[in-house]
C-alpha atoms as a PDB file:
ATOM      1  CA  UNK A   1     154.788   2.232 -26.719  1.00  0.00           C
ATOM      2  CA  UNK A   2     153.389   5.192 -28.602  1.00  0.00           C
ATOM      3  CA  UNK A   3     153.814   8.722 -27.372  1.00  0.00           C
ATOM      4  CA  UNK A   4     151.181  11.424 -27.888  1.00  0.00           C
ATOM      5  CA  UNK A   5     152.191  15.050 -27.958  1.00  0.00           C
ATOM      6  CA  UNK A   6     149.551  17.590 -26.797  1.00  0.00           C
ATOM      7  CA  UNK A   7     150.001  21.024 -28.406  1.00  0.00           C
ATOM      8  CA  UNK A   8     150.679  23.742 -25.861  1.00  0.00           C
ATOM      9  CA  UNK A   9     148.130  26.314 -27.169  1.00  0.00           C
ATOM     10  CA  UNK A  10     144.975  24.095 -26.899  1.00  0.00           C
ATOM     11  CA  UNK A  11     146.133  23.023 -23.445  1.00  0.00           C
ATOM     12  CA  UNK A  12     146.441  26.668 -22.390  1.00  0.00           C
ATOM     13  CA  UNK A  13     142.961  27.427 -23.727  1.00  0.00           C
ATOM     14  CA  UNK A  14     141.505  24.442 -21.859  1.00  0.00           C
ATOM     15  CA  UNK A  15     143.080  25.636 -18.620  1.00  0.00           C
ATOM     16  CA  UNK A  16     141.674  29.109 -19.102  1.00  0.00           C
ATOM     17  CA  UNK A  17     138.199  27.717 -19.754  1.00  0.00           C
ATOM     18  CA  UNK A  18     138.386  25.611 -16.621  1.00  0.00           C
ATOM     19  CA  UNK A  19     139.536  28.593 -14.608  1.00  0.00           C
ATOM     20  CA  UNK A  20     136.701  30.735 -15.994  1.00  0.00           C
ATOM     21  CA  UNK A  21     134.125  28.205 -14.809  1.00  0.00           C
ATOM     22  CA  UNK A  22     135.297  28.362 -11.190  1.00  0.00           C
ATOM     23  CA  UNK A  23     133.108  30.813  -9.163  1.00  0.00           C
ATOM     24  CA  UNK A  24     135.931  31.370  -6.707  1.00  0.00           C
ATOM     25  CA  UNK A  25     138.273  32.446  -9.508  1.00  0.00           C
ATOM     26  CA  UNK A  26     135.575  34.555 -11.114  1.00  0.00           C
ATOM     27  CA  UNK A  27     135.172  36.441  -7.859  1.00  0.00           C
ATOM     28  CA  UNK A  28     138.797  37.574  -8.082  1.00  0.00           C
ATOM     29  CA  UNK A  29     137.982  39.691 -11.131  1.00  0.00           C
ATOM     30  CA  UNK A  30     134.988  41.447  -9.611  1.00  0.00           C
ATOM     31  CA  UNK A  31     135.253  45.187  -9.040  1.00  0.00           C
ATOM     32  CA  UNK A  32     134.241  46.709  -5.743  1.00  0.00           C
ATOM     33  CA  UNK A  33     130.945  48.598  -5.648  1.00  0.00           C
ATOM     34  CA  UNK A  34     130.814  52.054  -4.031  1.00  0.00           C
ATOM     35  CA  UNK A  35     127.450  53.747  -3.381  1.00  0.00           C
ATOM     36  CA  UNK A  36     126.935  57.153  -1.765  1.00  0.00           C
ATOM     37  CA  UNK A  37     123.609  57.849  -0.040  1.00  0.00           C
ATOM     38  CA  UNK A  38     121.776  60.035  -0.876  1.00  0.00           C
ATOM     39  CA  UNK A  39     122.698  60.170  -4.553  1.00  0.00           C
ATOM     40  CA  UNK A  40     122.149  63.950  -4.666  1.00  0.00           C
ATOM     41  CA  UNK A  41     122.684  66.670  -2.099  1.00  0.00           C
ATOM     42  CA  UNK A  42     124.810  66.323   1.028  1.00  0.00           C
ATOM     43  CA  UNK A  43     126.454  62.863   1.236  1.00  0.00           C
ATOM     44  CA  UNK A  44     125.584  61.056   4.468  1.00  0.00           C
ATOM     45  CA  UNK A  45     126.796  57.485   4.089  1.00  0.00           C
ATOM     46  CA  UNK A  46     129.184  55.677   1.784  1.00  0.00           C
ATOM     47  CA  UNK A  47     128.753  51.941   1.197  1.00  0.00           C
ATOM     48  CA  UNK A  48     131.677  49.944  -0.197  1.00  0.00           C
ATOM     49  CA  UNK A  49     131.000  46.315  -1.151  1.00  0.00           C
ATOM     50  CA  UNK A  50     133.872  43.946  -1.778  1.00  0.00           C
ATOM     51  CA  UNK A  51     134.038  40.877  -3.999  1.00  0.00           C
ATOM     52  CA  UNK A  52     131.137  38.429  -3.825  1.00  0.00           C
ATOM     53  CA  UNK A  53     132.166  34.944  -2.716  1.00  0.00           C
ATOM     54  CA  UNK A  54     129.800  32.022  -3.205  1.00  0.00           C
ATOM     55  CA  UNK A  55     129.516  30.033   0.016  1.00  0.00           C
ATOM     56  CA  UNK A  56     126.536  27.811  -0.746  1.00  0.00           C
ATOM     57  CA  UNK A  57     123.362  27.408  -2.689  1.00  0.00           C
ATOM     58  CA  UNK A  58     120.251  25.359  -3.273  1.00  0.00           C
ATOM     59  CA  UNK A  59     118.846  24.821  -6.756  1.00  0.00           C
ATOM     60  CA  UNK A  60     118.868  28.086  -8.695  1.00  0.00           C
ATOM     61  CA  UNK A  61     119.455  30.181  -5.554  1.00  0.00           C
ATOM     62  CA  UNK A  62     123.031  30.913  -4.501  1.00  0.00           C
ATOM     63  CA  UNK A  63     124.401  32.274  -1.237  1.00  0.00           C
ATOM     64  CA  UNK A  64     127.107  34.912  -1.434  1.00  0.00           C
ATOM     65  CA  UNK A  65     129.171  36.752   1.159  1.00  0.00           C
ATOM     66  CA  UNK A  66     130.705  40.176   0.700  1.00  0.00           C
ATOM     67  CA  UNK A  67     132.738  42.408   2.963  1.00  0.00           C
ATOM     68  CA  UNK A  68     130.776  45.627   3.526  1.00  0.00           C
ATOM     69  CA  UNK A  69     132.243  48.932   4.695  1.00  0.00           C
ATOM     70  CA  UNK A  70     129.850  51.710   5.797  1.00  0.00           C
ATOM     71  CA  UNK A  71     131.270  55.195   6.468  1.00  0.00           C
ATOM     72  CA  UNK A  72     129.453  58.068   8.166  1.00  0.00           C
ATOM     73  CA  UNK A  73     130.284  61.144   6.075  1.00  0.00           C
ATOM     74  CA  UNK A  74     127.996  63.374   8.095  1.00  0.00           C
ATOM     75  CA  UNK A  75     128.730  65.735  10.995  1.00  0.00           C
ATOM     76  CA  UNK A  76     126.242  63.960  13.296  1.00  0.00           C
ATOM     77  CA  UNK A  77     126.097  60.458  14.765  1.00  0.00           C
ATOM     78  CA  UNK A  78     123.674  57.966  13.240  1.00  0.00           C
ATOM     79  CA  UNK A  79     121.726  56.041  15.882  1.00  0.00           C
ATOM     80  CA  UNK A  80     119.925  53.325  13.914  1.00  0.00           C
ATOM     81  CA  UNK A  81     119.107  53.124  10.196  1.00  0.00           C
ATOM     82  CA  UNK A  82     117.981  50.268   7.965  1.00  0.00           C
ATOM     83  CA  UNK A  83     118.661  50.072   4.229  1.00  0.00           C
ATOM     84  CA  UNK A  84     117.654  47.662   1.484  1.00  0.00           C
ATOM     85  CA  UNK A  85     120.466  46.341  -0.701  1.00  0.00           C
ATOM     86  CA  UNK A  86     119.254  45.323  -4.173  1.00  0.00           C
ATOM     87  CA  UNK A  87     121.233  43.152  -6.595  1.00  0.00           C
ATOM     88  CA  UNK A  88     120.796  43.329 -10.392  1.00  0.00           C
ATOM     89  CA  UNK A  89     122.026  41.303 -13.345  1.00  0.00           C
ATOM     90  CA  UNK A  90     123.363  42.671 -16.652  1.00  0.00           C
ATOM     91  CA  UNK A  91     119.802  43.372 -17.836  1.00  0.00           C
ATOM     92  CA  UNK A  92     118.981  45.449 -14.733  1.00  0.00           C
ATOM     93  CA  UNK A  93     116.667  42.694 -13.463  1.00  0.00           C
ATOM     94  CA  UNK A  94     116.591  42.374  -9.676  1.00  0.00           C
ATOM     95  CA  UNK A  95     118.000  39.004  -8.662  1.00  0.00           C
ATOM     96  CA  UNK A  96     118.373  39.384  -4.891  1.00  0.00           C
ATOM     97  CA  UNK A  97     118.140  41.662  -1.886  1.00  0.00           C
ATOM     98  CA  UNK A  98     119.319  41.984   1.698  1.00  0.00           C
ATOM     99  CA  UNK A  99     119.001  44.316   4.672  1.00  0.00           C
ATOM    100  CA  UNK A 100     121.828  46.500   5.995  1.00  0.00           C
ATOM    101  CA  UNK A 101     121.578  47.915   9.523  1.00  0.00           C
ATOM    102  CA  UNK A 102     123.753  50.860  10.552  1.00  0.00           C
ATOM    103  CA  UNK A 103     123.753  51.733  14.266  1.00  0.00           C
ATOM    104  CA  UNK A 104     125.753  53.917  16.627  1.00  0.00           C
ATOM    105  CA  UNK A 105     128.171  55.283  14.049  1.00  0.00           C
ATOM    106  CA  UNK A 106     129.759  58.604  14.989  1.00  0.00           C
ATOM    107  CA  UNK A 107     130.814  61.375  12.608  1.00  0.00           C
ATOM    108  CA  UNK A 108     133.712  60.233  10.445  1.00  0.00           C
ATOM    109  CA  UNK A 109     133.528  56.686  11.797  1.00  0.00           C
ATOM    110  CA  UNK A 110     133.225  53.506   9.747  1.00  0.00           C
ATOM    111  CA  UNK A 111     131.983  49.975  10.408  1.00  0.00           C
ATOM    112  CA  UNK A 112     132.984  46.826   8.542  1.00  0.00           C
ATOM    113  CA  UNK A 113     131.115  43.525   8.517  1.00  0.00           C
ATOM    114  CA  UNK A 114     130.342  40.489   6.382  1.00  0.00           C
ATOM    115  CA  UNK A 115     127.035  40.499   4.533  1.00  0.00           C
ATOM    116  CA  UNK A 116     125.300  37.258   3.511  1.00  0.00           C
ATOM    117  CA  UNK A 117     123.025  37.575   0.488  1.00  0.00           C
ATOM    118  CA  UNK A 118     120.855  35.091  -1.432  1.00  0.00           C
ATOM    119  CA  UNK A 119     120.810  35.743  -5.167  1.00  0.00           C
ATOM    120  CA  UNK A 120     119.913  33.984  -8.406  1.00  0.00           C
ATOM    121  CA  UNK A 121     123.380  34.704  -9.821  1.00  0.00           C
ATOM    122  CA  UNK A 122     126.465  36.836  -9.388  1.00  0.00           C
ATOM    123  CA  UNK A 123     125.297  40.500  -9.395  1.00  0.00           C
ATOM    124  CA  UNK A 124     126.400  42.975 -12.029  1.00  0.00           C
ATOM    125  CA  UNK A 125     125.278  46.127 -10.170  1.00  0.00           C
ATOM    126  CA  UNK A 126     123.919  47.165  -6.768  1.00  0.00           C
ATOM    127  CA  UNK A 127     121.674  49.842  -5.303  1.00  0.00           C
ATOM    128  CA  UNK A 128     120.864  50.966  -1.770  1.00  0.00           C
ATOM    129  CA  UNK A 129     117.487  52.383  -0.659  1.00  0.00           C
ATOM    130  CA  UNK A 130     116.417  53.544   2.838  1.00  0.00           C
ATOM    131  CA  UNK A 131     113.817  51.427   4.644  1.00  0.00           C
ATOM    132  CA  UNK A 132     113.647  53.145   8.028  1.00  0.00           C
ATOM    133  CA  UNK A 133     115.659  56.153   9.147  1.00  0.00           C
ATOM    134  CA  UNK A 134     116.121  57.828  12.557  1.00  0.00           C
ATOM    135  CA  UNK A 135     114.849  61.337  13.200  1.00  0.00           C
ATOM    136  CA  UNK A 136     118.259  62.896  12.656  1.00  0.00           C
ATOM    137  CA  UNK A 137     118.182  61.678   9.047  1.00  0.00           C
ATOM    138  CA  UNK A 138     114.659  62.968   8.425  1.00  0.00           C
ATOM    139  CA  UNK A 139     115.756  66.058   6.430  1.00  0.00           C
ATOM    140  CA  UNK A 140     117.723  63.920   3.954  1.00  0.00           C
ATOM    141  CA  UNK A 141     115.250  61.048   3.722  1.00  0.00           C
ATOM    142  CA  UNK A 142     113.516  60.586   0.363  1.00  0.00           C
ATOM    143  CA  UNK A 143     109.934  61.878   0.333  1.00  0.00           C
ATOM    144  CA  UNK A 144     107.377  59.288   1.343  1.00  0.00           C
ATOM    145  CA  UNK A 145     105.071  58.207  -1.459  1.00  0.00           C
ATOM    146  CA  UNK A 146     102.020  55.966  -1.366  1.00  0.00           C
ATOM    147  CA  UNK A 147     100.052  54.341  -4.165  1.00  0.00           C
ATOM    148  CA  UNK A 148      96.387  55.183  -4.736  1.00  0.00           C
ATOM    149  CA  UNK A 149      93.872  54.206  -7.396  1.00  0.00           C
ATOM    150  CA  UNK A 150      92.368  57.108  -9.340  1.00  0.00           C
ATOM    151  CA  UNK A 151      89.020  56.362 -10.977  1.00  0.00           C
ATOM    152  CA  UNK A 152      86.091  58.207 -12.547  1.00  0.00           C
ATOM    153  CA  UNK A 153      82.429  57.554 -13.280  1.00  0.00           C
ATOM    154  CA  UNK A 154      82.312  56.854 -16.163  1.00  0.00           C
ATOM    155  CA  UNK A 155      85.788  55.410 -16.653  1.00  0.00           C
ATOM    156  CA  UNK A 156      88.156  56.358 -19.443  1.00  0.00           C
ATOM    157  CA  UNK A 157      88.668  59.993 -18.497  1.00  0.00           C
ATOM    158  CA  UNK A 158      92.009  61.698 -19.107  1.00  0.00           C
ATOM    159  CA  UNK A 159      93.577  62.551 -15.746  1.00  0.00           C
ATOM    160  CA  UNK A 160      96.271  64.938 -14.552  1.00  0.00           C
ATOM    161  CA  UNK A 161      97.989  64.989 -11.169  1.00  0.00           C
ATOM    162  CA  UNK A 162      99.333  68.399 -10.191  1.00  0.00           C
ATOM    163  CA  UNK A 163      99.319  69.388 -13.861  1.00  0.00           C
ATOM    164  CA  UNK A 164     101.148  66.276 -15.132  1.00  0.00           C
ATOM    165  CA  UNK A 165      99.393  63.720 -17.340  1.00  0.00           C
ATOM    166  CA  UNK A 166      98.944  60.333 -15.656  1.00  0.00           C
ATOM    167  CA  UNK A 167      96.887  58.582 -18.344  1.00  0.00           C
ATOM    168  CA  UNK A 168      93.272  57.456 -18.406  1.00  0.00           C
ATOM    169  CA  UNK A 169      91.197  56.172 -15.522  1.00  0.00           C
ATOM    170  CA  UNK A 170      91.343  53.828 -13.735  1.00  0.00           C
ATOM    171  CA  UNK A 171      95.014  54.415 -12.907  1.00  0.00           C
ATOM    172  CA  UNK A 172      97.340  53.536  -9.991  1.00  0.00           C
ATOM    173  CA  UNK A 173      99.697  56.426  -9.176  1.00  0.00           C
ATOM    174  CA  UNK A 174     102.396  57.226  -6.619  1.00  0.00           C
ATOM    175  CA  UNK A 175     101.601  60.318  -4.544  1.00  0.00           C
ATOM    176  CA  UNK A 176     103.879  62.104  -2.072  1.00  0.00           C
ATOM    177  CA  UNK A 177     102.796  63.541   1.270  1.00  0.00           C
ATOM    178  CA  UNK A 178     101.109  66.933   0.916  1.00  0.00           C
ATOM    179  CA  UNK A 179      98.317  68.671  -0.974  1.00  0.00           C
ATOM    180  CA  UNK A 180      97.513  67.675  -4.552  1.00  0.00           C
ATOM    181  CA  UNK A 181      95.046  68.399  -7.332  1.00  0.00           C
ATOM    182  CA  UNK A 182      93.496  65.946  -9.788  1.00  0.00           C
ATOM    183  CA  UNK A 183      91.998  67.182 -13.063  1.00  0.00           C
ATOM    184  CA  UNK A 184      89.673  65.125 -15.248  1.00  0.00           C
ATOM    185  CA  UNK A 185      88.362  65.539 -18.768  1.00  0.00           C
ATOM    186  CA  UNK A 186      86.329  63.301 -21.039  1.00  0.00           C
ATOM    187  CA  UNK A 187      84.679  63.927 -24.371  1.00  0.00           C
ATOM    188  CA  UNK A 188      80.995  64.639 -23.829  1.00  0.00           C
ATOM    189  CA  UNK A 189      81.346  65.530 -20.137  1.00  0.00           C
ATOM    190  CA  UNK A 190      82.180  68.659 -18.229  1.00  0.00           C
ATOM    191  CA  UNK A 191      85.769  68.733 -16.907  1.00  0.00           C
ATOM    192  CA  UNK A 192      86.270  68.497 -13.142  1.00  0.00           C
ATOM    193  CA  UNK A 193      88.891  68.952 -10.447  1.00  0.00           C
ATOM    194  CA  UNK A 194      89.402  67.129  -7.164  1.00  0.00           C
ATOM    195  CA  UNK A 195      91.728  68.505  -4.435  1.00  0.00           C
ATOM    196  CA  UNK A 196      93.018  66.069  -1.815  1.00  0.00           C
ATOM    197  CA  UNK A 197      95.786  65.726   0.753  1.00  0.00           C
ATOM    198  CA  UNK A 198      98.076  62.818   1.714  1.00  0.00           C
ATOM    199  CA  UNK A 199      99.074  62.679   5.377  1.00  0.00           C
ATOM    200  CA  UNK A 200     102.375  61.343   6.761  1.00  0.00           C
ATOM    201  CA  UNK A 201     100.607  58.339   8.327  1.00  0.00           C
ATOM    202  CA  UNK A 202      98.540  57.411   5.258  1.00  0.00           C
ATOM    203  CA  UNK A 203      99.178  53.972   3.762  1.00  0.00           C
ATOM    204  CA  UNK A 204      99.028  52.661   0.226  1.00  0.00           C
ATOM    205  CA  UNK A 205      95.850  51.095  -1.055  1.00  0.00           C
ATOM    206  CA  UNK A 206      93.441  54.037  -0.945  1.00  0.00           C
ATOM    207  CA  UNK A 207      91.405  55.284  -3.875  1.00  0.00           C
ATOM    208  CA  UNK A 208      89.858  58.419  -5.339  1.00  0.00           C
ATOM    209  CA  UNK A 209      86.660  58.183  -7.387  1.00  0.00           C
ATOM    210  CA  UNK A 210      85.317  61.251  -9.181  1.00  0.00           C
ATOM    211  CA  UNK A 211      81.846  61.469 -10.720  1.00  0.00           C
ATOM    212  CA  UNK A 212      82.002  63.382 -13.985  1.00  0.00           C
ATOM    213  CA  UNK A 213      78.274  64.070 -13.647  1.00  0.00           C
ATOM    214  CA  UNK A 214      75.880  64.574 -16.498  1.00  0.00           C
ATOM    215  CA  UNK A 215      76.880  64.976 -20.098  1.00  0.00           C
ATOM    216  CA  UNK A 216      78.017  68.383 -21.297  1.00  0.00           C
ATOM    217  CA  UNK A 217      75.874  67.982 -24.420  1.00  0.00           C
ATOM    218  CA  UNK A 218      72.260  67.290 -25.247  1.00  0.00           C
ATOM    219  CA  UNK A 219      71.291  63.632 -25.423  1.00  0.00           C
ATOM    220  CA  UNK A 220      69.194  62.368 -28.333  1.00  0.00           C
ATOM    221  CA  UNK A 221      67.713  58.930 -27.779  1.00  0.00           C
ATOM    222  CA  UNK A 222      66.621  57.173 -30.979  1.00  0.00           C
ATOM    223  CA  UNK A 223      63.806  54.649 -31.337  1.00  0.00           C
ATOM    224  CA  UNK A 224      66.238  51.848 -32.199  1.00  0.00           C
ATOM    225  CA  UNK A 225      67.803  52.213 -28.732  1.00  0.00           C
ATOM    226  CA  UNK A 226      70.937  54.098 -29.765  1.00  0.00           C
ATOM    227  CA  UNK A 227      71.933  57.387 -28.146  1.00  0.00           C
ATOM    228  CA  UNK A 228      73.627  60.444 -29.654  1.00  0.00           C
ATOM    229  CA  UNK A 229      75.449  63.147 -27.718  1.00  0.00           C
ATOM    230  CA  UNK A 230      75.655  66.593 -29.287  1.00  0.00           C
ATOM    231  CA  UNK A 231      74.222  70.093 -29.372  1.00  0.00           C
ATOM    232  CA  UNK A 232      70.659  70.400 -30.610  1.00  0.00           C
ATOM    233  CA  UNK A 233      70.461  72.974 -33.432  1.00  0.00           C
ATOM    234  CA  UNK A 234      66.828  72.849 -34.494  1.00  0.00           C
ATOM    235  CA  UNK A 235      63.643  70.774 -34.458  1.00  0.00           C
ATOM    236  CA  UNK A 236      60.983  70.927 -37.193  1.00  0.00           C
ATOM    237  CA  UNK A 237      58.048  68.836 -38.219  1.00  0.00           C
ATOM    238  CA  UNK A 238      60.264  66.794 -40.522  1.00  0.00           C
ATOM    239  CA  UNK A 239      63.749  66.606 -38.995  1.00  0.00           C
ATOM    240  CA  UNK A 240      65.972  67.138 -36.015  1.00  0.00           C
ATOM    241  CA  UNK A 241      69.384  68.771 -36.553  1.00  0.00           C
ATOM    242  CA  UNK A 242      72.155  67.947 -34.042  1.00  0.00           C
ATOM    243  CA  UNK A 243      75.742  69.225 -34.121  1.00  0.00           C
ATOM    244  CA  UNK A 244      78.107  66.342 -33.356  1.00  0.00           C
ATOM    245  CA  UNK A 245      81.854  66.918 -33.443  1.00  0.00           C
ATOM    246  CA  UNK A 246      81.413  70.208 -35.274  1.00  0.00           C
ATOM    247  CA  UNK A 247      79.203  68.772 -38.052  1.00  0.00           C
ATOM    248  CA  UNK A 248      75.408  68.985 -38.363  1.00  0.00           C
ATOM    249  CA  UNK A 249      73.616  65.649 -38.352  1.00  0.00           C
ATOM    250  CA  UNK A 250      70.124  65.667 -39.946  1.00  0.00           C
ATOM    251  CA  UNK A 251      67.793  63.064 -38.421  1.00  0.00           C
ATOM    252  CA  UNK A 252      64.328  62.053 -39.534  1.00  0.00           C
ATOM    253  CA  UNK A 253      61.915  63.300 -36.863  1.00  0.00           C
ATOM    254  CA  UNK A 254      60.236  59.884 -36.674  1.00  0.00           C
ATOM    255  CA  UNK A 255      63.549  58.244 -35.709  1.00  0.00           C
ATOM    256  CA  UNK A 256      63.878  60.363 -32.539  1.00  0.00           C
ATOM    257  CA  UNK A 257      62.263  59.061 -29.377  1.00  0.00           C
ATOM    258  CA  UNK A 258      63.438  61.545 -26.733  1.00  0.00           C
ATOM    259  CA  UNK A 259      65.685  64.596 -26.331  1.00  0.00           C
ATOM    260  CA  UNK A 260      67.327  65.489 -23.001  1.00  0.00           C
ATOM    261  CA  UNK A 261      68.599  69.043 -22.764  1.00  0.00           C
ATOM    262  CA  UNK A 262      71.524  70.221 -20.656  1.00  0.00           C
ATOM    263  CA  UNK A 263      71.512  73.656 -19.098  1.00  0.00           C
ATOM    264  CA  UNK A 264      73.728  76.021 -21.035  1.00  0.00           C
ATOM    265  CA  UNK A 265      75.311  79.156 -19.724  1.00  0.00           C
ATOM    266  CA  UNK A 266      73.962  82.298 -21.377  1.00  0.00           C
ATOM    267  CA  UNK A 267      76.465  84.175 -23.482  1.00  0.00           C
ATOM    268  CA  UNK A 268      77.784  87.252 -21.701  1.00  0.00           C
ATOM    269  CA  UNK A 269      76.698  90.571 -23.158  1.00  0.00           C
ATOM    270  CA  UNK A 270      78.932  93.599 -23.356  1.00  0.00           C
ATOM    271  CA  UNK A 271      77.251  97.002 -23.045  1.00  0.00           C
ATOM    272  CA  UNK A 272      78.185  99.438 -25.798  1.00  0.00           C
END
């Protein structure tokens, strides 16, 4: 009978590889996650999440359980608050979420419970965001924001919201409750402003449409159907001179079909 000797080092490596493939053993190396809410200002709640243990799964979706500790760091009791728990992988891609309910927790008290979460894989990081808060937490709640569509006629105008650039129209933006100001500008059109207000009961999905009105320059329609926008300089029996982008354009009079003038403000005169 022949005897085979297995080297110790490859055997050790094989055991380590087998251990690394076991989700239960992987869970032992997970750090706990601690999140304070809100992230800035006076701390109200502290969430501590233990190791994630896989308890089931179907296809690419896994079911995990984690022991969750919620502490009330505030000086007031918290009646009933709901939070969203988001799970992320190493690339900061959201892979799962769950709801955490905190109710009847007095100042300095803590509650501990098991949380069941469905996720695509073991999370690398977590975040907590309020979903609904009681009145006592109103002062520390994040400002409500809704999404609206900002558009202009014609489209393609540069837009600003409260002085900050938001891009060109049409554009979907997040707007907080309160009074706001939209500013629009587009080459060839007069700039415009649009004040509006978002109420506390307003919902996402609304829109703002601003008409830029007539062109800020004269319009020269040519006989071939094309249109030029500029400032008319002069008209003679032989040619039409139009300033476009700071340069004079000389057109044969017979090429011009129609000229539409815009009303210009008279230059202010200063008395000597």
